[in-house]
Amino acid sequence: MLNVALDTHLDTFHLAVDFQVEKGKTLVLLGESGAGKSTVLRLLAGLLYPEKGHISLDGVVYFDSEQRIAITPQQRPFGYVFQDYVLFPHLTVFENVAFGLRAQRVARHSVQQRVMEALEQVHMADLAQRRPAQLSGGQQQRVAIARALVLQPELLLLDEPLAALDVQTRREVRQELRRLLAETGITTVLVTHHYLEALLFGERILVLDHGRVIQQGDQYALREYPRSSYIAELVGVNFFRGHITRYEANSLCIVQLDDDKLSVEVVAALRERGQSNGTPSSGDEAFVVVDPRSITLYLAPPESSARNVFYGEIVHILPSRAAANGDSSVRVSIMLNDATPPLTAEITEASANRLDLQEGKMVYATFKATEASAYT
C-alpha cells in the first residue's frame, strides 16, 4: 500500500494532497496543466521535498516531516518515466536501459540478463544496438519504460507517458502499456490530462485542480457524478453547482445556482446514491448535470412544458459527429451570464440551419426537469 500526504508551497503555488494506492494497482492523477500533477510525482520520487508530509510504501517510510526522515531519490525503489523520456542520445538502447544498473554497480552478467529481459517486455530486444535518433517516438517511449522496469521498482511513476506521441502511435503504445502494467503488477501512479487515458489506466482516479484534490473515485463515479466543471467538460455534460432550496413531488428538487449576480434556479430529478444517508436537506450543496442532447433551442419564448428555460448568446458552434442514420450534429455553446459556464446543446445540423444559428445570436435553451440529474 502506498500512503501519501503532502503539503508544500512552491513560490505562490500551494499543494496539499492525501491519497492511498493499493499494492499492484494504478492510480491516475488527472488535471489540467498547472494543477500540480507532475509536482506530486517529483515529491514522490524525492526530487523535491515537501514542507510537511508522509510517504510510505508497503510499510517502509521514505519521507516523514515529523520523524525527519528523507530518503534520497537514489535509495528509493521507484521507477520514473519522464514525459520527454530523457534518453542519452550517444548511447545505444541497451546502454540506456543498462545505465541505472551500472550506476548501482550490478555485476556485468546480471546487467546483460536484466536489460534483455526488460527489452523483451517492451518488444525492443531486436533494436538493442540502435541509438535514440534511429527510433520512432513510440519506440523511444518503450525504451524509457524498459529503463524504469530494469531496476525492478516497487513503485512506478509515469509522467504523461503518451503525451509526446502522435495519435496513431498513442493508440498502439497505450495498449502495450496497459498490458505491461497488468503483467508486472507494479504499484503505479500515472499522470495525464486525457480523460480517456484516465479511464483506461486508472482503477482509481484523483482529479487535481490548483494543488487540491477536487474529486476522487473510480471511473463510474467520475462519469456519473462529476463534481467540477472540468470533469463535466471531459465527460461531455453540462454542469451546474448550487444549493437545494426546496422539493417538489416525484423526486424533483429546486437547485439555486451559485451566482452572486443573478437568481438562477434549475429544476432537476434527484438521483439516489448508494452512499447517501437519506434525502439531502434544503441548503445542502448539490450538483446538476444535463446531457447536451436533452436541450432544445428556440428563437422565440418557447411554449413547451420544459421547466428549465434559459436565454443567452451563442458563443460557439462546432461540428460534433455523424449519427447512425447519416445526420450530422453540431454543438452550440450559449453564454447565459458571466458567473456560470456556457450551456452546450447538441442538435442536428438540419435544425441549426433551419434556425439560422450563428455566433452572436440570442436564443432560448430549454430542458425538462426529468432530463436533469441532481445529486449531492
Protein backbone atom coordinates (compact mmCIF):
# COMPACT_ATOMS: atom_id res chain seq x y z
CA MET A 1 0.00 0.00 0.00
CA LEU A 2 1.27 3.46 -0.94
CA ASN A 3 0.34 6.09 1.65
CA VAL A 4 0.88 9.73 0.72
CA ALA A 5 0.19 13.02 2.49
CA LEU A 6 1.88 16.10 1.02
CA ASP A 7 1.65 19.76 1.95
CA THR A 8 4.09 22.26 0.49
CA HIS A 9 4.50 25.66 -1.17
CA LEU A 10 6.35 26.34 -4.41
CA ASP A 11 6.53 30.13 -4.68
CA THR A 12 2.83 31.12 -4.68
CA PHE A 13 1.61 27.59 -5.53
CA HIS A 14 0.22 25.57 -2.61
CA LEU A 15 -0.06 21.80 -2.99
CA ALA A 16 -1.98 19.75 -0.43
CA VAL A 17 -2.95 16.16 -1.30
CA ASP A 18 -3.64 12.97 0.62
CA PHE A 19 -4.20 9.57 -1.01
CA GLN A 20 -3.52 5.85 -0.91
CA VAL A 21 -2.88 3.27 -3.65
CA GLU A 22 -3.41 -0.43 -3.12
CA LYS A 23 -0.46 -2.70 -3.86
CA GLY A 24 -0.30 -3.60 -7.56
CA LYS A 25 -2.96 -1.06 -8.56
CA THR A 26 -2.73 2.04 -10.76
CA LEU A 27 -3.76 5.48 -9.57
CA VAL A 28 -4.23 8.17 -12.22
CA LEU A 29 -3.64 11.84 -11.41
CA LEU A 30 -5.90 13.77 -13.77
CA GLY A 31 -5.99 17.52 -14.22
CA GLU A 32 -5.20 20.49 -16.40
CA SER A 33 -1.70 21.90 -16.89
CA GLY A 34 -0.56 23.61 -13.70
CA ALA A 35 -2.81 21.51 -11.45
CA GLY A 36 0.19 20.03 -9.62
CA LYS A 37 0.25 16.52 -11.12
CA SER A 38 3.93 16.39 -12.07
CA THR A 39 4.86 18.10 -8.80
CA VAL A 40 3.29 15.18 -6.93
CA LEU A 41 5.46 12.75 -8.90
CA ARG A 42 8.63 14.73 -8.18
CA LEU A 43 7.77 14.78 -4.49
CA LEU A 44 7.20 11.02 -4.51
CA ALA A 45 10.48 10.44 -6.33
CA GLY A 46 12.40 12.60 -3.87
CA LEU A 47 13.38 15.16 -6.50
CA LEU A 48 11.55 17.68 -4.31
CA TYR A 49 10.87 17.55 -0.58
CA PRO A 50 7.58 18.81 0.88
CA GLU A 51 7.41 21.13 3.84
CA LYS A 52 5.15 18.68 5.63
CA GLY A 53 4.01 15.19 4.85
CA HIS A 54 4.49 11.46 4.77
CA ILE A 55 5.37 8.94 2.05
CA SER A 56 5.46 5.21 2.74
CA LEU A 57 5.22 2.12 0.57
CA ASP A 58 4.36 -1.30 1.97
CA GLY A 59 5.26 -0.16 5.48
CA VAL A 60 8.62 1.42 4.57
CA VAL A 61 8.79 5.17 5.24
CA TYR A 62 10.59 7.25 2.59
CA PHE A 63 9.63 10.67 3.89
CA ASP A 64 8.16 11.89 7.14
CA SER A 65 8.48 15.51 8.21
CA GLU A 66 7.67 14.81 11.86
CA GLN A 67 10.17 11.96 12.16
CA ARG A 68 12.67 13.87 10.00
CA ILE A 69 13.03 11.00 7.55
CA ALA A 70 14.01 11.94 3.98
CA ILE A 71 15.34 9.06 1.88
CA THR A 72 17.28 10.24 -1.20
CA PRO A 73 15.97 9.52 -4.73
CA GLN A 74 18.77 7.02 -5.35
CA GLN A 75 17.70 4.98 -2.32
CA ARG A 76 14.01 4.86 -3.21
CA PRO A 77 12.99 1.74 -5.19
CA PHE A 78 10.90 3.87 -7.52
CA GLY A 79 10.98 3.92 -11.33
CA TYR A 80 10.33 7.27 -13.03
CA VAL A 81 9.40 7.70 -16.71
CA PHE A 82 9.60 11.36 -17.70
CA GLN A 83 7.32 12.97 -20.26
CA ASP A 84 10.18 13.61 -22.71
CA TYR A 85 11.86 10.23 -21.98
CA VAL A 86 15.33 11.80 -21.28
CA LEU A 87 17.28 9.16 -23.24
CA PHE A 88 21.02 9.61 -23.70
CA PRO A 89 21.46 10.29 -27.45
CA HIS A 90 25.06 8.97 -27.60
CA LEU A 91 24.18 5.62 -26.00
CA THR A 92 22.57 2.58 -27.60
CA VAL A 93 19.19 1.30 -26.49
CA PHE A 94 20.98 -1.39 -24.47
CA GLU A 95 23.27 1.10 -22.72
CA ASN A 96 20.38 3.49 -21.99
CA VAL A 97 18.50 0.72 -20.22
CA ALA A 98 21.66 -0.52 -18.50
CA PHE A 99 22.64 2.92 -17.20
CA GLY A 100 20.92 2.65 -13.82
CA LEU A 101 22.18 -0.87 -13.22
CA ARG A 102 25.75 0.17 -13.94
CA ALA A 103 25.37 3.11 -11.57
CA GLN A 104 24.36 0.58 -8.91
CA ARG A 105 27.47 -1.48 -9.76
CA VAL A 106 25.43 -4.55 -10.68
CA ALA A 107 27.55 -7.45 -11.98
CA ARG A 108 28.11 -7.47 -15.75
CA HIS A 109 26.40 -10.81 -16.39
CA SER A 110 23.36 -9.67 -14.38
CA VAL A 111 23.23 -6.41 -16.34
CA GLN A 112 23.14 -8.32 -19.64
CA GLN A 113 20.36 -10.63 -18.47
CA ARG A 114 18.17 -7.97 -16.83
CA VAL A 115 18.49 -5.48 -19.69
CA MET A 116 17.50 -8.05 -22.30
CA GLU A 117 14.58 -9.20 -20.15
CA ALA A 118 13.36 -5.62 -19.83
CA LEU A 119 13.71 -5.05 -23.57
CA GLU A 120 11.81 -8.27 -24.26
CA GLN A 121 8.99 -6.98 -22.05
CA VAL A 122 8.58 -3.89 -24.25
CA HIS A 123 9.31 -5.72 -27.55
CA MET A 124 12.56 -3.84 -28.20
CA ALA A 125 15.16 -6.60 -27.86
CA ASP A 126 15.89 -6.67 -31.61
CA LEU A 127 16.72 -2.93 -31.56
CA ALA A 128 19.12 -3.08 -28.62
CA GLN A 129 22.07 -1.66 -30.60
CA ARG A 130 20.26 1.30 -32.12
CA ARG A 131 20.54 4.85 -30.81
CA PRO A 132 17.55 7.02 -29.83
CA ALA A 133 17.75 9.09 -33.04
CA GLN A 134 17.13 5.90 -35.03
CA LEU A 135 13.90 5.16 -33.16
CA SER A 136 10.34 6.34 -33.56
CA GLY A 137 8.59 8.21 -30.75
CA GLY A 138 6.77 5.07 -29.69
CA GLN A 139 9.99 3.06 -29.63
CA GLN A 140 11.73 5.72 -27.53
CA GLN A 141 8.86 5.58 -25.07
CA ARG A 142 9.26 1.80 -24.80
CA VAL A 143 12.96 2.22 -24.07
CA ALA A 144 12.20 4.75 -21.31
CA ILE A 145 9.77 2.28 -19.72
CA ALA A 146 12.30 -0.55 -20.01
CA ARG A 147 14.91 1.65 -18.29
CA ALA A 148 12.50 2.08 -15.37
CA LEU A 149 11.46 -1.60 -15.24
CA VAL A 150 15.01 -2.96 -15.33
CA LEU A 151 15.61 -1.56 -11.85
CA GLN A 152 12.75 -3.78 -10.60
CA PRO A 153 10.96 -0.88 -8.89
CA GLU A 154 8.34 -1.30 -6.23
CA LEU A 155 6.60 1.88 -7.40
CA LEU A 156 6.36 3.12 -11.00
CA LEU A 157 5.86 6.85 -11.68
CA LEU A 158 4.67 7.74 -15.20
CA ASP A 159 4.53 11.42 -16.16
CA GLU A 160 2.29 11.88 -19.22
CA PRO A 161 3.83 8.74 -20.79
CA LEU A 162 1.92 9.09 -24.07
CA ALA A 163 1.87 12.86 -24.48
CA ALA A 164 4.77 13.08 -26.97
CA LEU A 165 3.27 10.53 -29.36
CA ASP A 166 1.11 11.09 -32.42
CA VAL A 167 -2.49 9.88 -32.31
CA GLN A 168 -1.93 6.56 -34.10
CA THR A 169 1.20 5.66 -32.14
CA ARG A 170 -0.52 6.65 -28.89
CA ARG A 171 -3.27 4.10 -29.55
CA GLU A 172 -0.75 1.32 -30.14
CA VAL A 173 1.53 2.11 -27.20
CA ARG A 174 -1.46 2.64 -24.90
CA GLN A 175 -2.47 -0.99 -25.28
CA GLU A 176 1.10 -2.18 -24.73
CA LEU A 177 1.42 -0.09 -21.59
CA ARG A 178 -1.84 -1.48 -20.21
CA ARG A 179 -0.52 -4.99 -20.84
CA LEU A 180 2.78 -4.20 -19.13
CA LEU A 181 1.16 -2.76 -16.02
CA ALA A 182 -1.16 -5.77 -15.78
CA GLU A 183 1.69 -8.27 -16.22
CA THR A 184 4.21 -6.66 -13.88
CA GLY A 185 1.74 -5.90 -11.09
CA ILE A 186 3.76 -2.87 -10.00
CA THR A 187 2.01 -0.21 -7.91
CA THR A 188 1.77 2.74 -10.31
CA VAL A 189 0.98 6.45 -10.23
CA LEU A 190 0.28 7.79 -13.73
CA VAL A 191 -0.17 11.44 -14.65
CA THR A 192 -2.34 12.55 -17.58
CA HIS A 193 -4.66 15.32 -18.71
CA HIS A 194 -6.50 12.99 -21.11
CA TYR A 195 -9.79 11.69 -19.75
CA LEU A 196 -9.72 8.59 -21.98
CA GLU A 197 -6.31 7.59 -20.63
CA ALA A 198 -7.56 8.09 -17.10
CA LEU A 199 -10.42 5.69 -17.82
CA LEU A 200 -8.16 3.12 -19.48
CA PHE A 201 -5.43 3.03 -16.84
CA GLY A 202 -6.95 4.14 -13.57
CA GLU A 203 -8.56 1.68 -11.21
CA ARG A 204 -8.83 4.86 -9.16
CA ILE A 205 -8.67 8.45 -10.41
CA LEU A 206 -7.62 11.52 -8.47
CA VAL A 207 -8.60 14.86 -10.01
CA LEU A 208 -6.32 17.78 -9.16
CA ASP A 209 -7.00 21.49 -9.58
CA HIS A 210 -4.62 24.19 -8.34
CA GLY A 211 -2.90 21.78 -5.98
CA ARG A 212 -6.10 20.41 -4.44
CA VAL A 213 -8.00 17.15 -4.86
CA ILE A 214 -11.42 18.17 -6.17
CA GLN A 215 -12.69 14.64 -6.82
CA GLN A 216 -11.53 11.06 -6.50
CA GLY A 217 -13.06 7.70 -7.20
CA ASP A 218 -13.44 5.04 -9.84
CA GLN A 219 -14.45 5.52 -13.46
CA TYR A 220 -18.17 5.25 -12.70
CA ALA A 221 -18.07 7.97 -10.04
CA LEU A 222 -16.35 10.46 -12.35
CA ARG A 223 -18.57 9.68 -15.30
CA GLU A 224 -21.89 9.66 -13.46
CA TYR A 225 -21.22 12.14 -10.65
CA PRO A 226 -18.81 14.87 -11.80
CA ARG A 227 -18.16 17.44 -9.09
CA SER A 228 -16.46 20.14 -11.15
CA SER A 229 -16.96 21.86 -14.50
CA TYR A 230 -13.57 20.47 -15.56
CA ILE A 231 -14.67 16.84 -15.18
CA ALA A 232 -18.11 17.58 -16.64
CA GLU A 233 -16.47 19.04 -19.73
CA LEU A 234 -14.31 15.95 -20.14
CA VAL A 235 -17.34 13.70 -19.73
CA GLY A 236 -19.34 15.83 -22.16
CA VAL A 237 -22.24 17.04 -20.00
CA ASN A 238 -23.50 20.41 -18.79
CA PHE A 239 -22.76 21.08 -15.15
CA PHE A 240 -24.31 23.32 -12.51
CA ARG A 241 -23.37 23.81 -8.87
CA GLY A 242 -25.72 25.25 -6.25
CA HIS A 243 -27.79 24.54 -3.16
CA ILE A 244 -31.12 22.77 -2.76
CA THR A 245 -33.85 25.22 -1.79
CA ARG A 246 -36.96 23.02 -1.80
CA TYR A 247 -38.55 19.83 -3.08
CA GLU A 248 -41.50 19.05 -5.34
CA ALA A 249 -43.42 15.87 -5.99
CA ASN A 250 -41.92 12.96 -7.95
CA SER A 251 -38.41 13.47 -6.51
CA LEU A 252 -37.92 16.84 -8.18
CA CYS A 253 -35.80 19.42 -6.40
CA ILE A 254 -35.08 23.09 -6.95
CA VAL A 255 -31.38 23.99 -7.01
CA GLN A 256 -30.39 27.64 -6.57
CA LEU A 257 -27.21 28.11 -8.58
CA ASP A 258 -24.15 29.69 -7.02
CA ASP A 259 -24.40 33.13 -8.61
CA ASP A 260 -23.96 36.39 -6.74
CA LYS A 261 -25.40 38.49 -9.57
CA LEU A 262 -28.48 36.62 -10.72
CA SER A 263 -31.11 34.43 -9.07
CA VAL A 264 -30.96 31.34 -11.27
CA GLU A 265 -32.76 28.10 -10.44
CA VAL A 266 -32.69 24.66 -12.03
CA VAL A 267 -35.44 22.07 -11.56
CA ALA A 268 -33.99 18.57 -11.62
CA ALA A 269 -34.71 14.96 -10.69
CA LEU A 270 -32.85 13.99 -7.52
CA ARG A 271 -30.65 10.99 -8.20
CA GLU A 272 -30.18 8.49 -5.41
CA ARG A 273 -26.65 7.46 -4.48
CA GLY A 274 -25.75 4.26 -2.70
CA GLN A 275 -23.56 6.01 -0.14
CA SER A 276 -26.06 8.75 0.69
CA ASN A 277 -27.67 8.74 4.10
CA GLY A 278 -31.28 9.69 3.45
CA THR A 279 -32.64 12.58 1.42
CA PRO A 280 -30.47 15.72 1.27
CA SER A 281 -31.79 18.68 3.24
CA SER A 282 -32.63 22.14 2.00
CA GLY A 283 -29.47 24.20 1.93
CA ASP A 284 -27.24 21.24 1.08
CA GLU A 285 -24.79 21.69 -1.77
CA ALA A 286 -25.94 19.96 -4.95
CA PHE A 287 -24.70 19.34 -8.46
CA VAL A 288 -26.81 19.10 -11.63
CA VAL A 289 -25.83 17.53 -14.95
CA VAL A 290 -27.69 17.73 -18.25
CA ASP A 291 -26.90 15.85 -21.45
CA PRO A 292 -26.42 18.32 -24.35
CA ARG A 293 -28.75 16.17 -26.45
CA SER A 294 -31.58 16.90 -23.99
CA ILE A 295 -31.50 20.63 -24.71
CA THR A 296 -33.83 22.24 -27.27
CA LEU A 297 -33.22 25.66 -28.82
CA TYR A 298 -35.79 28.30 -29.81
CA LEU A 299 -35.60 31.76 -31.34
CA ALA A 300 -38.76 32.96 -29.54
CA PRO A 301 -40.02 32.28 -26.00
CA PRO A 302 -40.98 28.59 -26.05
CA GLU A 303 -44.44 27.26 -25.33
CA SER A 304 -43.12 23.85 -24.30
CA SER A 305 -43.68 22.19 -20.93
CA ALA A 306 -39.97 22.32 -20.08
CA ARG A 307 -39.38 23.66 -16.55
CA ASN A 308 -35.92 24.98 -17.28
CA VAL A 309 -35.76 27.90 -19.71
CA PHE A 310 -32.62 29.96 -20.28
CA TYR A 311 -31.81 32.86 -22.59
CA GLY A 312 -28.35 33.68 -23.84
CA GLU A 313 -25.92 34.44 -26.64
CA ILE A 314 -24.39 31.81 -28.89
CA VAL A 315 -20.62 31.92 -28.46
CA HIS A 316 -19.57 28.77 -30.36
CA ILE A 317 -20.99 26.43 -32.98
CA LEU A 318 -18.85 23.37 -33.59
CA PRO A 319 -19.39 20.20 -35.66
CA SER A 320 -19.96 17.24 -33.38
CA ARG A 321 -20.46 13.85 -35.01
CA ALA A 322 -22.36 11.90 -37.61
CA ALA A 323 -25.30 9.85 -36.33
CA ALA A 324 -26.02 6.27 -37.37
CA ASN A 325 -28.68 7.49 -39.80
CA GLY A 326 -26.18 9.77 -41.53
CA ASP A 327 -27.40 13.03 -39.97
CA SER A 328 -24.64 15.30 -38.70
CA SER A 329 -24.92 17.19 -35.43
CA VAL A 330 -23.43 20.39 -34.04
CA ARG A 331 -22.68 21.55 -30.50
CA VAL A 332 -23.96 25.02 -29.74
CA SER A 333 -22.49 26.81 -26.69
CA ILE A 334 -24.65 29.55 -25.16
CA MET A 335 -23.34 32.09 -22.66
CA LEU A 336 -26.03 32.62 -20.01
CA ASN A 337 -24.15 35.07 -17.78
CA ASP A 338 -20.65 35.82 -16.54
CA ALA A 339 -20.92 33.57 -13.49
CA THR A 340 -21.93 30.19 -14.97
CA PRO A 341 -20.19 28.09 -17.64
CA PRO A 342 -21.70 28.14 -21.15
CA LEU A 343 -24.66 25.82 -21.68
CA THR A 344 -23.99 23.39 -24.53
CA ALA A 345 -26.73 21.92 -26.71
CA GLU A 346 -26.24 19.18 -29.28
CA ILE A 347 -28.70 19.42 -32.15
CA THR A 348 -28.83 18.18 -35.72
CA GLU A 349 -27.15 20.21 -38.41
CA ALA A 350 -30.54 20.45 -40.17
CA SER A 351 -32.08 22.06 -37.06
CA ALA A 352 -29.21 24.52 -36.80
CA ASN A 353 -29.68 25.52 -40.44
CA ARG A 354 -33.44 25.85 -40.02
CA LEU A 355 -32.95 28.20 -37.06
CA ASP A 356 -30.16 30.01 -38.94
CA LEU A 357 -27.95 29.76 -35.86
CA GLN A 358 -24.75 31.74 -35.79
CA GLU A 359 -22.36 33.13 -33.20
CA GLY A 360 -23.69 36.27 -31.54
CA LYS A 361 -27.35 35.30 -31.97
CA MET A 362 -29.65 35.25 -28.91
CA VAL A 363 -31.61 32.03 -28.32
CA TYR A 364 -33.75 30.28 -25.73
CA ALA A 365 -32.47 26.94 -24.41
CA THR A 366 -34.79 24.55 -22.59
CA PHE A 367 -34.65 21.14 -20.99
CA LYS A 368 -37.15 19.11 -18.97
CA ALA A 369 -36.72 18.63 -15.24
CA THR A 370 -36.69 14.86 -15.76
CA GLU A 371 -33.75 15.26 -18.17
CA ALA A 372 -31.63 16.98 -15.48
CA SER A 373 -30.00 14.88 -12.76
CA ALA A 374 -29.26 16.36 -9.34
CA TYR A 375 -27.05 14.76 -6.69
CA THR A 376 -25.15 15.73 -3.57
